[in-house]
């Protein structure tokens, strides 16, 4: 199958209905803060952007550019911080009136200022046991940390969908023993997830998991890195997980991230995906872009840039 076919990218449908909604709720923490929620409509689907929090990544975490170059680029966009480049951890809840599907669960406190997903779900009136399925886009700790808490599964009724290649990689003892320290949490969490979620569905390639919800192969960042496409009534949204990082993307495809397992494959995917997404005007949801992570890649005088979706206050 051609990975970057129109269907596999979920491109070409520009008319996604945007709901004029951003709701706040006080998080149950000692510090008063707002739990951000943003919703958009894709045909019969409601997609809610949630967030587990954020972490600041050192500027030297982006191979392909020096730390000074990344910091300079962040300063030019007025987002430079002494602690590094801020990554948000967005998750997406997909509902069609019958089923609730969550895309990723965040790091749940294992990285940075995170652990807010439970409060975000409460803010939309949901308990964790009401989630029917979870798509784990890849088995890095910041995408599956919320699945297991205190040695117990945190979403007791959820069926998991994870690419078989990622399961194979992250449960391989030889790969774990050879991996650097900063990946050990991901290996440990992967073993727990596989043990505690017997309803785990190992995905082989692109497939439809529910009418209008499909898996997209975005291999590169990890061996089984996937995205999720939602489409209905001529509208579409593609959730691309770690295809995009703030500041460095989409302007430069040769800039990677330290957690990538295969830099060459990840760059090759960006080389294909970014120009095609710009040409098609795809509506994209990206895990680490500023909340709610909704936007488009656009070509501006021959340079690719991220254009935040005009999703709010649309009548």
Protein backbone atom coordinates (compact mmCIF):
# COMPACT_ATOMS: atom_id res chain seq x y z
CA UNK A 1 0.00 0.00 0.00
CA UNK A 2 1.27 3.47 -0.79
CA UNK A 3 1.74 5.17 2.54
CA UNK A 4 1.14 8.66 1.27
CA UNK A 5 -1.94 8.09 -0.82
CA UNK A 6 -4.70 10.65 -0.37
CA UNK A 7 -6.61 8.16 1.75
CA UNK A 8 -3.70 7.14 3.93
CA UNK A 9 -2.95 10.75 4.77
CA UNK A 10 -6.58 11.63 5.27
CA UNK A 11 -6.06 14.79 3.22
CA UNK A 12 -8.16 16.83 0.94
CA UNK A 13 -11.21 17.48 3.12
CA UNK A 14 -10.86 21.06 4.29
CA UNK A 15 -14.33 21.76 5.58
CA UNK A 16 -14.16 20.29 9.06
CA UNK A 17 -16.83 21.93 11.18
CA UNK A 18 -15.21 23.86 14.00
CA UNK A 19 -17.18 24.25 17.22
CA UNK A 20 -16.88 27.61 18.97
CA UNK A 21 -15.89 26.03 22.24
CA UNK A 22 -13.16 26.29 24.80
CA UNK A 23 -14.18 25.28 28.27
CA UNK A 24 -12.40 25.61 31.58
CA UNK A 25 -12.64 23.75 34.84
CA UNK A 26 -10.62 24.06 38.01
CA UNK A 27 -8.13 21.24 38.27
CA UNK A 28 -8.06 19.31 41.53
CA UNK A 29 -4.61 20.50 42.57
CA UNK A 30 -3.36 22.86 45.29
CA UNK A 31 -2.62 25.44 42.59
CA UNK A 32 -5.59 27.03 40.83
CA UNK A 33 -5.32 26.33 37.13
CA UNK A 34 -7.58 25.95 34.15
CA UNK A 35 -8.04 22.62 32.42
CA UNK A 36 -8.10 23.51 28.73
CA UNK A 37 -10.52 21.72 26.44
CA UNK A 38 -11.19 22.35 22.78
CA UNK A 39 -13.68 20.55 20.57
CA UNK A 40 -14.13 20.27 16.84
CA UNK A 41 -16.72 18.46 14.77
CA UNK A 42 -15.75 16.04 11.98
CA UNK A 43 -19.05 14.90 10.49
CA UNK A 44 -20.75 12.75 13.13
CA UNK A 45 -17.63 12.73 15.32
CA UNK A 46 -16.79 15.09 18.14
CA UNK A 47 -13.04 15.33 18.74
CA UNK A 48 -11.96 16.88 22.03
CA UNK A 49 -8.39 18.05 22.53
CA UNK A 50 -7.17 17.35 26.07
CA UNK A 51 -3.74 17.76 27.61
CA UNK A 52 -1.77 15.92 30.27
CA UNK A 53 0.61 18.87 30.76
CA UNK A 54 4.00 19.90 29.43
CA UNK A 55 7.76 19.50 29.76
CA UNK A 56 10.70 21.65 28.69
CA UNK A 57 13.21 19.77 26.56
CA UNK A 58 16.87 20.87 26.45
CA UNK A 59 17.83 22.59 23.21
CA UNK A 60 20.37 19.87 22.47
CA UNK A 61 17.57 17.27 22.14
CA UNK A 62 17.07 18.12 18.45
CA UNK A 63 19.83 16.51 16.37
CA UNK A 64 20.40 18.16 13.05
CA UNK A 65 20.84 21.60 14.62
CA UNK A 66 23.06 22.81 17.42
CA UNK A 67 21.53 23.76 20.76
CA UNK A 68 22.34 27.39 20.00
CA UNK A 69 20.51 27.22 16.67
CA UNK A 70 17.39 25.70 18.21
CA UNK A 71 17.39 28.27 21.01
CA UNK A 72 17.84 31.07 18.47
CA UNK A 73 14.89 29.76 16.45
CA UNK A 74 12.78 29.58 19.62
CA UNK A 75 13.75 33.16 20.50
CA UNK A 76 12.72 34.31 17.03
CA UNK A 77 9.27 32.83 17.70
CA UNK A 78 9.15 34.35 21.22
CA UNK A 79 8.97 30.95 22.93
CA UNK A 80 12.54 30.54 24.22
CA UNK A 81 12.86 29.56 27.87
CA UNK A 82 16.01 29.04 29.95
CA UNK A 83 14.81 25.47 30.63
CA UNK A 84 14.49 24.55 26.96
CA UNK A 85 11.83 24.11 24.30
CA UNK A 86 8.38 23.52 25.75
CA UNK A 87 6.53 20.46 24.49
CA UNK A 88 2.85 20.06 25.29
CA UNK A 89 1.38 16.56 25.65
CA UNK A 90 -1.96 16.66 23.83
CA UNK A 91 -4.40 13.76 23.77
CA UNK A 92 -7.52 13.47 21.64
CA UNK A 93 -10.89 11.99 22.57
CA UNK A 94 -13.04 10.80 19.66
CA UNK A 95 -16.78 10.28 20.24
CA UNK A 96 -19.58 9.30 17.89
CA UNK A 97 -22.42 8.99 20.39
CA UNK A 98 -21.78 5.29 20.92
CA UNK A 99 -18.07 4.79 21.52
CA UNK A 100 -15.31 6.82 23.13
CA UNK A 101 -11.81 6.37 21.76
CA UNK A 102 -8.78 8.07 23.29
CA UNK A 103 -5.59 8.68 21.34
CA UNK A 104 -2.63 8.35 23.75
CA UNK A 105 -2.63 8.92 27.51
CA UNK A 106 0.32 11.26 28.17
CA UNK A 107 3.30 10.74 30.49
CA UNK A 108 1.15 10.90 33.65
CA UNK A 109 3.78 12.57 35.81
CA UNK A 110 6.81 10.66 34.57
CA UNK A 111 8.05 13.73 32.66
CA UNK A 112 7.78 17.44 33.45
CA UNK A 113 4.60 19.08 34.70
CA UNK A 114 2.17 16.36 33.70
CA UNK A 115 -0.57 14.17 35.11
CA UNK A 116 -3.54 16.40 34.23
CA UNK A 117 -5.38 13.99 31.91
CA UNK A 118 -7.66 12.58 34.65
CA UNK A 119 -8.83 16.11 35.47
CA UNK A 120 -9.35 16.84 31.78
CA UNK A 121 -11.55 13.75 31.42
CA UNK A 122 -13.50 14.75 34.52
CA UNK A 123 -14.04 18.19 33.00
CA UNK A 124 -15.92 16.57 30.10
CA UNK A 125 -17.86 14.39 32.52
CA UNK A 126 -16.04 11.13 31.90
CA UNK A 127 -14.55 8.48 34.13
CA UNK A 128 -11.63 6.38 32.96
CA UNK A 129 -13.81 3.27 32.96
CA UNK A 130 -16.03 4.89 30.30
CA UNK A 131 -13.26 4.87 27.69
CA UNK A 132 -13.96 2.04 25.23
CA UNK A 133 -10.67 1.99 23.32
CA UNK A 134 -7.26 3.65 23.32
CA UNK A 135 -4.94 3.99 20.35
CA UNK A 136 -1.31 4.20 21.46
CA UNK A 137 0.50 5.91 18.59
CA UNK A 138 3.83 4.51 19.80
CA UNK A 139 5.32 3.10 22.98
CA UNK A 140 7.28 6.05 24.30
CA UNK A 141 6.49 6.83 27.92
CA UNK A 142 4.96 10.23 27.12
CA UNK A 143 2.26 8.54 25.02
CA UNK A 144 1.32 5.61 27.26
CA UNK A 145 2.29 6.67 30.79
CA UNK A 146 -1.32 7.05 31.85
CA UNK A 147 -2.23 3.45 31.05
CA UNK A 148 -0.76 1.99 34.24
CA UNK A 149 -0.87 3.53 37.72
CA UNK A 150 0.49 1.79 40.78
CA UNK A 151 0.88 -1.50 38.94
CA UNK A 152 -2.79 -1.52 37.92
CA UNK A 153 -4.39 -0.74 34.58
CA UNK A 154 -5.85 2.74 34.65
CA UNK A 155 -8.49 2.29 31.93
CA UNK A 156 -10.14 -0.98 33.01
CA UNK A 157 -12.60 -1.35 30.12
CA UNK A 158 -10.46 -0.08 27.26
CA UNK A 159 -9.31 -2.15 24.33
CA UNK A 160 -5.82 -1.07 23.24
CA UNK A 161 -4.63 -0.70 19.66
CA UNK A 162 -0.84 -0.62 19.15
CA UNK A 163 1.23 -1.39 16.07
CA UNK A 164 2.74 -4.87 16.25
CA UNK A 165 6.19 -3.56 15.26
CA UNK A 166 6.28 -1.28 18.30
CA UNK A 167 5.14 -4.07 20.61
CA UNK A 168 7.90 -6.30 19.24
CA UNK A 169 10.56 -3.61 19.63
CA UNK A 170 9.65 -2.41 23.12
CA UNK A 171 9.25 -5.88 24.62
CA UNK A 172 12.51 -7.25 23.22
CA UNK A 173 14.95 -7.96 26.10
CA UNK A 174 17.99 -7.57 23.83
CA UNK A 175 16.88 -4.14 22.64
CA UNK A 176 16.11 -3.11 26.19
CA UNK A 177 19.54 -4.10 27.46
CA UNK A 178 21.24 -2.16 24.65
CA UNK A 179 19.08 0.96 25.01
CA UNK A 180 20.26 4.20 26.64
CA UNK A 181 19.03 5.14 30.10
CA UNK A 182 16.51 7.69 28.82
CA UNK A 183 14.58 4.94 27.01
CA UNK A 184 14.45 2.48 29.91
CA UNK A 185 11.16 3.86 31.24
CA UNK A 186 9.55 3.20 27.87
CA UNK A 187 10.73 -0.42 27.91
CA UNK A 188 9.54 -0.91 31.48
CA UNK A 189 6.13 0.65 30.81
CA UNK A 190 5.70 -1.38 27.62
CA UNK A 191 6.13 -4.63 29.52
CA UNK A 192 3.54 -3.52 32.08
CA UNK A 193 1.05 -2.49 29.41
CA UNK A 194 1.30 -5.80 27.58
CA UNK A 195 0.91 -7.72 30.85
CA UNK A 196 -2.05 -5.74 32.21
CA UNK A 197 -4.12 -5.23 29.05
CA UNK A 198 -5.08 -8.67 27.71
CA UNK A 199 -7.48 -7.05 25.19
CA UNK A 200 -4.53 -5.39 23.44
CA UNK A 201 -4.98 -5.48 19.66
CA UNK A 202 -1.67 -5.72 17.79
CA UNK A 203 -2.17 -3.76 14.56
CA UNK A 204 -0.59 -4.92 11.32
CA UNK A 205 -0.45 -1.98 8.95
CA UNK A 206 -3.22 0.40 8.07
CA UNK A 207 -6.72 -0.63 9.03
CA UNK A 208 -10.10 0.73 10.05
CA UNK A 209 -10.84 0.25 13.74
CA UNK A 210 -14.31 1.79 13.56
CA UNK A 211 -16.30 3.18 10.66
CA UNK A 212 -14.63 6.51 9.94
CA UNK A 213 -11.62 5.93 12.25
CA UNK A 214 -8.51 4.47 10.65
CA UNK A 215 -4.89 3.82 11.46
CA UNK A 216 -2.26 5.59 9.32
CA UNK A 217 1.29 4.22 9.00
CA UNK A 218 3.80 6.95 9.95
CA UNK A 219 6.76 4.68 10.64
CA UNK A 220 10.07 6.34 11.45
CA UNK A 221 9.97 7.97 14.86
CA UNK A 222 9.61 4.41 16.20
CA UNK A 223 9.32 1.14 14.25
CA UNK A 224 5.54 1.16 14.61
CA UNK A 225 4.76 4.88 14.84
CA UNK A 226 1.17 5.42 13.68
CA UNK A 227 -1.38 8.18 13.27
CA UNK A 228 -5.16 8.21 13.44
CA UNK A 229 -7.45 9.53 10.74
CA UNK A 230 -11.03 10.58 11.48
CA UNK A 231 -13.27 11.22 8.49
CA UNK A 232 -16.97 11.60 7.90
CA UNK A 233 -19.32 13.63 5.70
CA UNK A 234 -16.48 14.85 3.48
CA UNK A 235 -14.45 16.18 6.43
CA UNK A 236 -11.24 14.78 7.87
CA UNK A 237 -8.65 15.21 10.59
CA UNK A 238 -5.38 13.31 10.90
CA UNK A 239 -3.66 12.98 14.28
CA UNK A 240 0.03 12.68 13.50
CA UNK A 241 1.55 12.13 16.97
CA UNK A 242 5.33 12.85 16.84
CA UNK A 243 5.62 13.81 13.18
CA UNK A 244 5.84 17.47 14.23
CA UNK A 245 7.75 19.28 16.95
CA UNK A 246 7.36 23.00 17.71
CA UNK A 247 9.82 25.59 16.42
CA UNK A 248 11.91 23.16 14.34
CA UNK A 249 9.06 21.76 12.20
CA UNK A 250 7.83 21.85 9.53
CA UNK A 251 10.46 24.27 8.22
CA UNK A 252 13.27 21.68 8.38
CA UNK A 253 12.74 17.96 7.86
CA UNK A 254 16.34 17.10 8.76
CA UNK A 255 15.89 18.12 12.40
CA UNK A 256 15.06 15.13 14.55
CA UNK A 257 14.40 14.39 18.20
CA UNK A 258 16.67 12.51 20.55
CA UNK A 259 14.07 9.79 21.22
CA UNK A 260 13.80 8.75 17.57
CA UNK A 261 14.80 5.15 16.96
CA UNK A 262 15.63 5.64 13.27
CA UNK A 263 16.55 9.21 12.32
CA UNK A 264 16.89 8.45 8.62
CA UNK A 265 13.45 6.81 8.45
CA UNK A 266 11.87 9.61 10.48
CA UNK A 267 13.34 12.24 8.17
CA UNK A 268 12.24 10.32 5.08
CA UNK A 269 8.67 10.26 6.41
CA UNK A 270 8.75 14.00 7.10
CA UNK A 271 10.19 14.61 3.62
CA UNK A 272 7.15 12.88 2.14
CA UNK A 273 4.49 13.96 4.56
CA UNK A 274 5.12 17.70 5.01
CA UNK A 275 4.94 18.79 1.34
CA UNK A 276 1.96 16.56 0.64
CA UNK A 277 0.09 17.85 3.70
CA UNK A 278 0.77 21.42 2.55
CA UNK A 279 -0.44 20.69 -0.96
CA UNK A 280 -3.64 19.06 0.31
CA UNK A 281 -4.38 21.56 3.08
CA UNK A 282 -4.76 18.75 5.60
CA UNK A 283 -6.23 19.54 9.00
CA UNK A 284 -3.75 18.08 11.50
CA UNK A 285 -3.66 17.39 15.22
CA UNK A 286 -0.13 17.13 16.62
CA UNK A 287 0.73 15.85 20.09
CA UNK A 288 3.49 18.29 20.95
CA UNK A 289 2.40 21.49 19.22
CA UNK A 290 0.94 24.22 21.47
CA UNK A 291 -2.52 23.31 22.73
CA UNK A 292 -4.84 22.26 21.16
CA UNK A 293 -2.28 21.17 18.54
CA UNK A 294 -4.63 21.84 15.62
CA UNK A 295 -3.27 23.37 12.44
CA UNK A 296 -2.09 22.95 8.89
CA UNK A 297 1.27 22.84 7.17
CA UNK A 298 1.34 25.63 4.61
CA UNK A 299 3.82 26.73 1.96
CA UNK A 300 4.75 30.38 2.36
CA UNK A 301 6.91 31.63 -0.52
CA UNK A 302 8.48 28.22 -0.82
CA UNK A 303 9.02 27.71 2.92
CA UNK A 304 6.92 25.33 4.97
CA UNK A 305 5.45 26.62 8.21
CA UNK A 306 2.83 25.66 10.79
CA UNK A 307 -0.42 27.58 10.56
CA UNK A 308 -2.66 27.33 13.63
CA UNK A 309 -6.18 26.27 12.70
CA UNK A 310 -8.81 29.00 13.00
CA UNK A 311 -10.89 26.72 15.18
CA UNK A 312 -12.17 29.09 17.87
CA UNK A 313 -15.21 31.38 17.82
CA UNK A 314 -16.48 30.20 14.48
CA UNK A 315 -20.19 30.95 14.03
